[in-house]
Amino acid sequence: MTGSRVVALGHYQPARVLTNEDLAARVDTSDEWIRSRVGIRTRHIAGPDEPVDELAYQAAGKALAGAGLVPDDIDLVLVATSTAIDRSPNMAARVAAKLGMGAGPAVMDLNVVCSGFTHALATADHAIRAGSARRALVIGADKMTEVTDWTDRTTCVLTGDGAGAAVVEACAEPGIGPVLWGSVPEMGNAVRIEGTPPVFAQEGQSVYRWTTSRLPALARQVCEKAGLTPEDLAGVVLHQANLRIIEPLAKRLGAVNAVVARDVVDSGNTSAASIPMALSKLVERGEIPSGAPVLLFGFGGNLSYAGQVIHCP
């Protein structure tokens, strides 16, 4: 059976930066309070002229350039997002149109919130293994600030905007390991974007307790499915939700030789964009060698999770 691999990555963030001091001028908070509880210093904010599909398009263009491909080389476009305001055309179709894809790729959106990218990456891998696609463009993009309640100091300090993209192609030697995915339906309301207009809310303590108690064992299962131990990992890229979640999880996992992504410090929680954006930055800075194993693990809304080990492009 044909496998697949990630051959290139790209990311994009809006130019406007919102600092903790900026937030302290709007709500009852402080730089010290935010850093001590979630580890975030800054986040990027998209303007009215930067909808989700624009963020996705920018990241996708960089990934295609990095792969040395043109848009018509792609036959499957997957966009993971939970902040697409319009229902149709979907974000994947809009990105394909912006890129000028004339070859008629399949276009699908996936809404699995913070674990959307790892779900989409597994979906692309499965499609390629099944022979229904040769090259896929997998994008995580969210404009979380558009669904943020800027009067709620417990959530407005978290969110940022951005996009990350990966080009995935068929190969004889699999470079994307088996996915471990699932959900906790009884906790589905712990992270939500609901209402008209939609607003992001969460039960922070419930999510914190679940992630810190359950995720280390799940992450180890991902490594087992890939035939590796945590000590074999060169990189760990978890959903960039909260530094107080990321650092203890990486430590309990036992990935003692791995570079741990901490992009949440500068970017905030960008939902489906967080994993591909953080991974793209690590690769761009040369912090993980090409071909080295990297654990990707997303978790959050629904309460859903998905993870796999990939070989770094």
Foldseek 3Di string as FASTA:
>chain_A
DWFKAWQFKFKDAAPDKQFQVNLVVQEVDHQVRLCVWFNAGIAGADDPVCDFLNQQLRGLVRRCVSNVHALQLWQAEEEEEDADPDPPPDSQVVSSVVSVHPNHHHGYYDYPWQQRQQVQVLVVRVCVVVVNTFKYKGKYWYNQCVQEDSHDPVPVSFDHGMMMITMMGIDRDHFWFDKDKDFDQVCQQQWDFDDVVTHTDHVVVVVLVCLLPPVLVVLQVQQVRRVHALCQAAAEFEQQAGPVRQVSSNVSNPNVNYDYFNCCHHHGGHIRRRRRVSLNVCVVVVSGDAQGWYKYKTADHRRMIMIHIGGHD
